[in-house]
C-alpha atoms as a PDB file:
ATOM      1  CA  MET A   1      15.705  -1.234 -39.256  1.00  0.00           C
ATOM      2  CA  ARG A   2      18.635  -2.441 -37.129  1.00  0.00           C
ATOM      3  CA  ALA A   3      18.373  -4.058 -33.726  1.00  0.00           C
ATOM      4  CA  TYR A   4      20.878  -2.945 -31.108  1.00  0.00           C
ATOM      5  CA  TYR A   5      21.387  -6.082 -29.052  1.00  0.00           C
ATOM      6  CA  ASN A   6      24.944  -5.249 -27.997  1.00  0.00           C
ATOM      7  CA  ARG A   7      24.007  -2.069 -26.096  1.00  0.00           C
ATOM      8  CA  ALA A   8      23.988  -2.286 -22.327  1.00  0.00           C
ATOM      9  CA  ALA A   9      20.719  -1.283 -20.680  1.00  0.00           C
ATOM     10  CA  GLU A  10      20.527   0.638 -17.439  1.00  0.00           C
ATOM     11  CA  ILE A  11      18.317  -0.846 -14.756  1.00  0.00           C
ATOM     12  CA  ALA A  12      17.392   1.041 -11.594  1.00  0.00           C
ATOM     13  CA  VAL A  13      17.155  -1.084  -8.451  1.00  0.00           C
ATOM     14  CA  ILE A  14      15.277   0.315  -5.465  1.00  0.00           C
ATOM     15  CA  ASP A  15      16.070  -1.166  -2.075  1.00  0.00           C
ATOM     16  CA  LYS A  16      12.928  -1.388   0.077  1.00  0.00           C
ATOM     17  CA  LYS A  17      15.003  -0.845   3.221  1.00  0.00           C
ATOM     18  CA  VAL A  18      16.372   2.465   1.931  1.00  0.00           C
ATOM     19  CA  ALA A  19      13.445   4.048   0.107  1.00  0.00           C
ATOM     20  CA  SER A  20       9.709   3.728   0.453  1.00  0.00           C
ATOM     21  CA  LEU A  21       7.463   4.573  -2.480  1.00  0.00           C
ATOM     22  CA  ARG A  22       4.269   4.553  -0.422  1.00  0.00           C
ATOM     23  CA  GLN A  23       2.764   7.882   0.475  1.00  0.00           C
ATOM     24  CA  MET A  24      -0.155   6.744   2.647  1.00  0.00           C
ATOM     25  CA  PRO A  25      -0.585   8.056   6.185  1.00  0.00           C
ATOM     26  CA  LEU A  26       0.676   5.866   9.039  1.00  0.00           C
ATOM     27  CA  ILE A  27      -1.318   5.285  12.221  1.00  0.00           C
ATOM     28  CA  ASN A  28      -0.751   3.335  15.423  1.00  0.00           C
ATOM     29  CA  LEU A  29      -2.905   0.208  15.147  1.00  0.00           C
ATOM     30  CA  VAL A  30      -1.986  -3.265  16.347  1.00  0.00           C
ATOM     31  CA  CYS A  31      -1.927  -5.906  13.600  1.00  0.00           C
ATOM     32  CA  LEU A  32      -3.996  -8.946  14.576  1.00  0.00           C
ATOM     33  CA  LYS A  33      -1.645 -11.281  12.676  1.00  0.00           C
ATOM     34  CA  CYS A  34       1.903 -10.210  13.654  1.00  0.00           C
ATOM     35  CA  GLY A  35       1.455  -7.657  16.469  1.00  0.00           C
ATOM     36  CA  ASN A  36       3.141  -4.776  14.625  1.00  0.00           C
ATOM     37  CA  THR A  37       1.884  -1.352  15.753  1.00  0.00           C
ATOM     38  CA  LYS A  38       2.188   0.647  12.493  1.00  0.00           C
ATOM     39  CA  SER A  39      -0.401   0.533   9.721  1.00  0.00           C
ATOM     40  CA  GLU A  40      -1.056   2.488   6.536  1.00  0.00           C
ATOM     41  CA  THR A  41      -4.579   3.758   6.115  1.00  0.00           C
ATOM     42  CA  TRP A  42      -6.836   4.984   3.303  1.00  0.00           C
ATOM     43  CA  ASN A  43     -10.551   5.566   2.710  1.00  0.00           C
ATOM     44  CA  VAL A  44     -12.809   4.494  -0.139  1.00  0.00           C
ATOM     45  CA  GLU A  45     -16.239   6.053  -0.623  1.00  0.00           C
ATOM     46  CA  VAL A  46     -18.970   3.686  -1.758  1.00  0.00           C
ATOM     47  CA  ALA A  47     -22.258   5.050  -3.027  1.00  0.00           C
ATOM     48  CA  ASN A  48     -25.297   3.967  -4.960  1.00  0.00           C
ATOM     49  CA  GLU A  49     -28.864   5.293  -5.177  1.00  0.00           C
ATOM     50  CA  THR A  50     -29.797   4.391  -1.594  1.00  0.00           C
ATOM     51  CA  ILE A  51     -26.570   3.964   0.371  1.00  0.00           C
ATOM     52  CA  HIS A  52     -23.571   6.237   0.826  1.00  0.00           C
ATOM     53  CA  SER A  53     -20.772   5.037   3.105  1.00  0.00           C
ATOM     54  CA  THR A  54     -17.028   5.117   3.607  1.00  0.00           C
ATOM     55  CA  ILE A  55     -14.816   2.061   4.032  1.00  0.00           C
ATOM     56  CA  THR A  56     -11.527   2.550   5.865  1.00  0.00           C
ATOM     57  CA  PHE A  57      -8.655   0.178   5.053  1.00  0.00           C
ATOM     58  CA  PHE A  58      -5.647  -0.588   7.251  1.00  0.00           C
ATOM     59  CA  ARG A  59      -2.497  -2.371   5.975  1.00  0.00           C
ATOM     60  CA  CYS A  60       0.236  -3.584   8.335  1.00  0.00           C
ATOM     61  CA  THR A  61       3.649  -2.176   7.400  1.00  0.00           C
ATOM     62  CA  LYS A  62       5.402  -5.375   8.500  1.00  0.00           C
ATOM     63  CA  CYS A  63       3.378  -8.333   7.141  1.00  0.00           C
ATOM     64  CA  GLY A  64       1.036  -6.572   4.687  1.00  0.00           C
ATOM     65  CA  THR A  65      -2.187  -7.911   6.204  1.00  0.00           C
ATOM     66  CA  THR A  66      -5.082  -5.661   5.175  1.00  0.00           C
ATOM     67  CA  ARG A  67      -8.315  -5.236   7.082  1.00  0.00           C
ATOM     68  CA  ARG A  68     -11.272  -2.934   6.626  1.00  0.00           C
ATOM     69  CA  GLU A  69     -13.913  -1.169   8.664  1.00  0.00           C
ATOM     70  CA  ALA A  70     -17.188   0.093   7.275  1.00  0.00           C
ATOM     71  CA  GLY A  71     -18.309   3.400   8.649  1.00  0.00           C
END
């Protein structure tokens, strides 16, 4: 078995300013840390034998601060 150490490898570089890989919905919500008005949002359902609830998460698109609300 031969190793091919002299071959050049291709590396893809994705610029965050050009392309966004996130597919979460955006809402208008003021970030308590930086004041930005855009946040991503998603829901997580939590259930056990006695309790069934939904937790909503919000992540600031500028500073990344995440907060949650139980509902």
